[in-house]
């Protein structure tokens, strides 16, 4: 199985990218979230490659081995990761791909699918639904999202997470499949702040309590086949925000619930996750 890592200069930064599978196989772009890196896909990647796909998994800006942006504004999805992904695809000469995202990678994938449908065959959203469905999901979702407000407090949040050998971060993300690796990566200078800047650039109290007007997120309707996946052990996101995403998909929509997995489905249920993605990708090849 061909597996390599490479650095790609794209959109003003140097990106670390895992590229696994045959060059001429159908490509799938896999986007991670906080506090992860592309390593979050380690268990599921061989299953996808063995099914005949090429998996492209970048460390998103500020995470893992990819460069950090110079300011908080540099983590705005529309001007940051959105353009990063397209530039990485261009550098690899990938015209069209399937796209999948988990955690913060999911909003990036939703936005790409909505605004650049000509570049993607399908969308797979894992755990996090469409941005507007998330914001409109009701008070239970708002309650589950309160930790995000703590992430807005620069300096204090970083200090609290680092204290006592990262005890608070370990407790909050207790179901993480490889928390030691995540902490190792976040422990490097500037990296924890870079990860938290994703929240600071894209989420605010006003936005959570009062969703902005339609059109704020650019073209919002997704017009490519979309698979939404949620797990019953999910602590941070309600099922309603994923199921409600159907309202923002003007294309074939499929919802699947995975039993017995936490927020980190790729660690807890890689076989089930791979089966769902493979069937989705093959149906709309």
Protein backbone atom coordinates (compact mmCIF):
# COMPACT_ATOMS: atom_id res chain seq x y z
CA UNK A 1 0.00 0.00 0.00
CA UNK A 2 1.48 3.33 -1.03
CA UNK A 3 1.67 5.64 1.98
CA UNK A 4 3.65 8.83 2.16
CA UNK A 5 3.72 12.17 3.89
CA UNK A 6 4.67 15.37 2.19
CA UNK A 7 4.77 19.11 2.68
CA UNK A 8 2.75 21.21 0.29
CA UNK A 9 2.98 24.99 -0.02
CA UNK A 10 -0.57 26.24 -0.37
CA UNK A 11 -2.41 29.46 0.41
CA UNK A 12 0.64 31.01 2.04
CA UNK A 13 1.45 28.17 4.46
CA UNK A 14 3.38 24.90 4.43
CA UNK A 15 0.96 22.02 4.98
CA UNK A 16 1.71 18.51 6.25
CA UNK A 17 -0.31 16.00 4.24
CA UNK A 18 -0.75 12.23 4.55
CA UNK A 19 -1.34 10.70 1.11
CA UNK A 20 -2.26 7.01 1.09
CA UNK A 21 -3.40 4.78 -1.78
CA UNK A 22 -2.83 4.55 -5.50
CA UNK A 23 -2.30 7.86 -7.30
CA UNK A 24 -5.01 7.11 -9.88
CA UNK A 25 -7.61 5.86 -7.36
CA UNK A 26 -10.69 7.98 -6.57
CA UNK A 27 -9.55 10.58 -4.05
CA UNK A 28 -11.11 11.37 -0.68
CA UNK A 29 -10.14 14.46 1.33
CA UNK A 30 -10.37 13.83 5.09
CA UNK A 31 -10.48 16.83 7.46
CA UNK A 32 -9.98 16.60 11.24
CA UNK A 33 -10.87 18.94 14.11
CA UNK A 34 -9.76 20.01 17.62
CA UNK A 35 -7.63 18.84 19.40
CA UNK A 36 -6.55 16.49 16.65
CA UNK A 37 -4.31 16.17 13.63
CA UNK A 38 -4.55 14.02 10.53
CA UNK A 39 -3.55 11.11 12.79
CA UNK A 40 -7.23 10.88 13.80
CA UNK A 41 -7.79 8.95 10.53
CA UNK A 42 -5.06 6.34 11.17
CA UNK A 43 -7.42 3.45 11.91
CA UNK A 44 -9.89 4.11 9.12
CA UNK A 45 -7.45 4.97 6.33
CA UNK A 46 -6.26 1.39 5.55
CA UNK A 47 -9.88 0.24 5.28
CA UNK A 48 -10.67 2.98 2.76
CA UNK A 49 -7.50 2.35 0.77
CA UNK A 50 -8.12 -1.39 0.65
CA UNK A 51 -11.54 -0.58 -0.81
CA UNK A 52 -9.85 1.21 -3.70
CA UNK A 53 -9.68 4.86 -2.59
CA UNK A 54 -6.85 7.35 -2.22
CA UNK A 55 -6.99 9.13 1.15
CA UNK A 56 -5.63 12.68 1.41
CA UNK A 57 -5.51 13.80 5.05
CA UNK A 58 -3.90 17.19 5.78
CA UNK A 59 -3.10 18.64 9.16
CA UNK A 60 -5.34 21.72 9.12
CA UNK A 61 -3.68 25.09 9.65
CA UNK A 62 -2.24 25.43 13.13
CA UNK A 63 -2.58 21.72 13.92
CA UNK A 64 -0.06 18.90 13.79
CA UNK A 65 2.88 19.75 11.53
CA UNK A 66 1.16 22.39 9.38
CA UNK A 67 2.22 26.01 9.78
CA UNK A 68 0.35 28.30 12.16
CA UNK A 69 -1.45 31.36 10.84
CA UNK A 70 -0.11 34.73 11.95
CA UNK A 71 -3.33 35.98 13.63
CA UNK A 72 -6.70 34.89 14.98
CA UNK A 73 -8.30 36.11 11.76
CA UNK A 74 -6.13 33.63 9.87
CA UNK A 75 -8.25 30.81 11.25
CA UNK A 76 -11.49 32.06 9.74
CA UNK A 77 -12.75 29.07 7.76
CA UNK A 78 -13.76 30.96 4.63
CA UNK A 79 -10.38 32.63 4.13
CA UNK A 80 -8.25 29.93 5.75
CA UNK A 81 -8.98 26.22 5.59
CA UNK A 82 -11.49 26.59 2.73
CA UNK A 83 -8.76 27.96 0.46
CA UNK A 84 -6.12 25.62 1.93
CA UNK A 85 -8.03 22.51 0.88
CA UNK A 86 -8.60 23.71 -2.66
CA UNK A 87 -4.94 24.72 -2.99
CA UNK A 88 -3.78 21.33 -1.70
CA UNK A 89 -6.03 19.60 -4.24
CA UNK A 90 -4.61 21.78 -6.99
CA UNK A 91 -1.04 21.02 -5.92
CA UNK A 92 -1.79 17.29 -6.05
CA UNK A 93 -3.60 17.72 -9.40
CA UNK A 94 -6.86 16.36 -7.98
CA UNK A 95 -9.74 17.87 -9.92
CA UNK A 96 -12.61 16.16 -8.08
CA UNK A 97 -12.75 14.24 -4.80
CA UNK A 98 -15.05 12.95 -2.12
CA UNK A 99 -14.82 15.09 1.01
CA UNK A 100 -15.31 14.11 4.65
CA UNK A 101 -14.93 16.15 7.82
CA UNK A 102 -15.11 15.56 11.56
CA UNK A 103 -15.41 18.15 14.33
CA UNK A 104 -14.08 21.48 12.96
CA UNK A 105 -13.24 19.68 9.73
CA UNK A 106 -16.97 19.19 9.17
CA UNK A 107 -17.87 22.90 8.85
CA UNK A 108 -14.97 23.26 6.42
CA UNK A 109 -16.33 20.32 4.41
CA UNK A 110 -19.89 21.67 4.50
CA UNK A 111 -18.70 25.03 3.19
CA UNK A 112 -16.60 23.51 0.43
CA UNK A 113 -19.44 21.25 -0.67
CA UNK A 114 -21.88 24.17 -0.76
CA UNK A 115 -19.65 26.71 -2.48
CA UNK A 116 -17.53 24.53 -4.76
CA UNK A 117 -19.76 21.56 -5.71
CA UNK A 118 -17.92 21.10 -9.00
CA UNK A 119 -14.84 19.94 -7.04
CA UNK A 120 -16.54 17.28 -4.93
CA UNK A 121 -18.49 14.11 -5.68
CA UNK A 122 -19.96 13.60 -2.22
CA UNK A 123 -19.90 15.03 1.30
CA UNK A 124 -19.59 13.00 4.50
CA UNK A 125 -20.22 15.00 7.68
CA UNK A 126 -19.15 13.22 10.85
CA UNK A 127 -20.58 14.36 14.21
CA UNK A 128 -21.10 18.01 13.18
CA UNK A 129 -24.07 18.96 11.04
CA UNK A 130 -24.61 21.91 8.75
CA UNK A 131 -23.64 25.18 10.46
CA UNK A 132 -27.16 26.59 10.39
CA UNK A 133 -28.67 23.31 11.63
CA UNK A 134 -26.16 23.40 14.50
CA UNK A 135 -27.05 26.98 15.40
CA UNK A 136 -30.79 26.26 15.21
CA UNK A 137 -30.70 22.96 17.11
CA UNK A 138 -32.22 24.32 20.34
CA UNK A 139 -31.20 24.85 23.93
CA UNK A 140 -29.75 21.40 24.55
CA UNK A 141 -27.18 22.04 21.84
CA UNK A 142 -26.48 25.49 23.24
CA UNK A 143 -25.90 23.95 26.66
CA UNK A 144 -23.55 21.33 25.25
CA UNK A 145 -21.64 24.12 23.51
CA UNK A 146 -20.96 26.22 26.61
CA UNK A 147 -17.35 25.01 26.79
CA UNK A 148 -16.77 26.98 23.58
CA UNK A 149 -17.27 30.20 25.54
CA UNK A 150 -14.36 29.21 27.79
CA UNK A 151 -12.26 28.76 24.66
CA UNK A 152 -12.79 32.44 23.87
CA UNK A 153 -10.87 33.60 26.95
CA UNK A 154 -7.35 34.07 25.64
CA UNK A 155 -4.53 33.19 28.00
CA UNK A 156 -6.76 31.95 30.84
CA UNK A 157 -8.05 29.03 28.77
CA UNK A 158 -4.55 28.05 27.70
CA UNK A 159 -3.26 28.20 31.29
CA UNK A 160 -6.17 26.15 32.62
CA UNK A 161 -5.73 23.44 30.01
CA UNK A 162 -1.96 23.15 30.65
CA UNK A 163 -2.22 23.08 34.46
CA UNK A 164 -1.50 19.88 36.40
CA UNK A 165 -0.25 17.92 33.39
CA UNK A 166 -3.19 18.97 31.23
CA UNK A 167 -5.72 17.60 33.74
CA UNK A 168 -8.65 19.76 32.53
CA UNK A 169 -8.07 18.95 28.88
CA UNK A 170 -7.79 15.25 29.71
CA UNK A 171 -11.05 15.41 31.64
CA UNK A 172 -12.99 17.39 29.05
CA UNK A 173 -11.84 15.23 26.11
CA UNK A 174 -11.83 12.04 28.18
CA UNK A 175 -13.03 9.75 25.37
CA UNK A 176 -10.31 10.77 22.94
CA UNK A 177 -8.69 7.77 21.28
CA UNK A 178 -5.09 9.00 21.64
CA UNK A 179 -5.05 11.92 24.05
CA UNK A 180 -1.32 11.57 24.75
CA UNK A 181 -0.46 12.23 21.11
CA UNK A 182 -2.87 15.16 21.01
CA UNK A 183 -1.30 16.69 24.13
CA UNK A 184 2.19 16.13 22.73
CA UNK A 185 1.30 18.12 19.63
CA UNK A 186 -0.51 20.86 21.55
CA UNK A 187 2.40 21.22 24.00
CA UNK A 188 4.67 22.81 21.41
CA UNK A 189 5.01 26.62 21.45
CA UNK A 190 1.93 28.38 20.13
CA UNK A 191 0.07 25.22 19.14
CA UNK A 192 -2.64 25.20 21.82
CA UNK A 193 -3.46 28.84 21.05
CA UNK A 194 -3.52 28.03 17.34
CA UNK A 195 -6.07 25.27 17.90
CA UNK A 196 -8.22 27.46 20.13
CA UNK A 197 -8.08 30.24 17.56
CA UNK A 198 -10.33 28.12 15.35
CA UNK A 199 -13.07 28.73 17.94
CA UNK A 200 -12.15 32.38 18.39
CA UNK A 201 -12.27 33.14 14.68
CA UNK A 202 -15.48 31.26 13.85
CA UNK A 203 -17.74 31.05 16.91
CA UNK A 204 -19.08 33.76 19.21
CA UNK A 205 -21.70 33.99 21.98
CA UNK A 206 -23.93 36.11 19.76
CA UNK A 207 -23.79 33.55 16.98
CA UNK A 208 -24.64 30.67 19.33
CA UNK A 209 -27.57 32.46 21.00
CA UNK A 210 -28.93 34.19 17.91
CA UNK A 211 -28.07 32.58 14.57
CA UNK A 212 -27.19 35.22 11.96
CA UNK A 213 -29.31 35.92 8.93
CA UNK A 214 -29.44 33.56 5.99
CA UNK A 215 -26.50 34.08 3.67
CA UNK A 216 -23.97 34.88 6.41
CA UNK A 217 -22.09 31.69 5.64
CA UNK A 218 -22.08 32.25 1.89
CA UNK A 219 -23.88 29.76 -0.31
CA UNK A 220 -25.41 27.46 2.29
CA UNK A 221 -27.34 24.82 0.37
CA UNK A 222 -25.37 21.67 -0.46
CA UNK A 223 -26.19 20.20 -3.85
CA UNK A 224 -24.09 17.05 -3.82
CA UNK A 225 -25.00 13.67 -2.22
CA UNK A 226 -24.49 13.96 1.52
CA UNK A 227 -24.06 11.42 4.32
CA UNK A 228 -24.46 12.57 7.93
CA UNK A 229 -23.03 10.33 10.66
CA UNK A 230 -23.64 10.74 14.40
CA UNK A 231 -22.85 8.49 17.38
CA UNK A 232 -24.99 7.83 20.45
CA UNK A 233 -22.02 8.40 22.79
CA UNK A 234 -21.57 11.94 21.49
CA UNK A 235 -21.10 14.36 24.40
CA UNK A 236 -20.84 17.70 22.60
CA UNK A 237 -23.37 17.56 19.77
CA UNK A 238 -27.02 16.60 19.68
CA UNK A 239 -28.57 14.24 17.18
CA UNK A 240 -30.98 17.02 16.22
CA UNK A 241 -28.24 19.20 14.72
CA UNK A 242 -27.19 16.37 12.40
CA UNK A 243 -30.70 15.25 11.45
CA UNK A 244 -31.74 18.86 10.86
CA UNK A 245 -28.97 19.20 8.29
CA UNK A 246 -31.25 17.55 5.73
CA UNK A 247 -33.02 20.91 5.40
CA UNK A 248 -29.85 22.35 3.87
CA UNK A 249 -29.18 19.57 1.35
CA UNK A 250 -30.82 19.77 -2.07
CA UNK A 251 -29.46 16.38 -3.17
CA UNK A 252 -29.67 12.77 -1.95
CA UNK A 253 -29.39 12.80 1.85
CA UNK A 254 -28.64 9.85 4.12
CA UNK A 255 -28.39 9.82 7.89
CA UNK A 256 -26.67 7.04 9.86
CA UNK A 257 -26.36 6.60 13.63
CA UNK A 258 -23.47 4.57 15.03
CA UNK A 259 -24.14 2.89 18.36
CA UNK A 260 -21.56 2.65 21.12
CA UNK A 261 -19.10 5.23 19.85
CA UNK A 262 -18.04 8.54 21.36
CA UNK A 263 -17.36 11.81 19.55
CA UNK A 264 -14.24 10.14 18.10
CA UNK A 265 -15.97 7.67 15.81
CA UNK A 266 -12.81 7.11 13.77
CA UNK A 267 -11.10 5.69 16.87
CA UNK A 268 -14.07 3.88 18.43
CA UNK A 269 -15.78 2.40 15.36
CA UNK A 270 -13.42 2.56 12.35
CA UNK A 271 -14.96 -0.48 10.66
CA UNK A 272 -18.50 0.89 10.85
CA UNK A 273 -17.37 4.34 9.75
CA UNK A 274 -15.41 2.94 6.80
CA UNK A 275 -18.34 0.79 5.66
CA UNK A 276 -20.65 3.78 5.59
CA UNK A 277 -18.22 5.99 3.71
CA UNK A 278 -17.30 3.30 1.20
CA UNK A 279 -20.94 2.56 0.36
CA UNK A 280 -21.66 6.28 0.03
CA UNK A 281 -18.68 6.90 -2.22
CA UNK A 282 -19.35 3.87 -4.40
CA UNK A 283 -23.00 4.80 -4.86
CA UNK A 284 -22.03 8.20 -6.25
CA UNK A 285 -18.74 7.32 -7.95
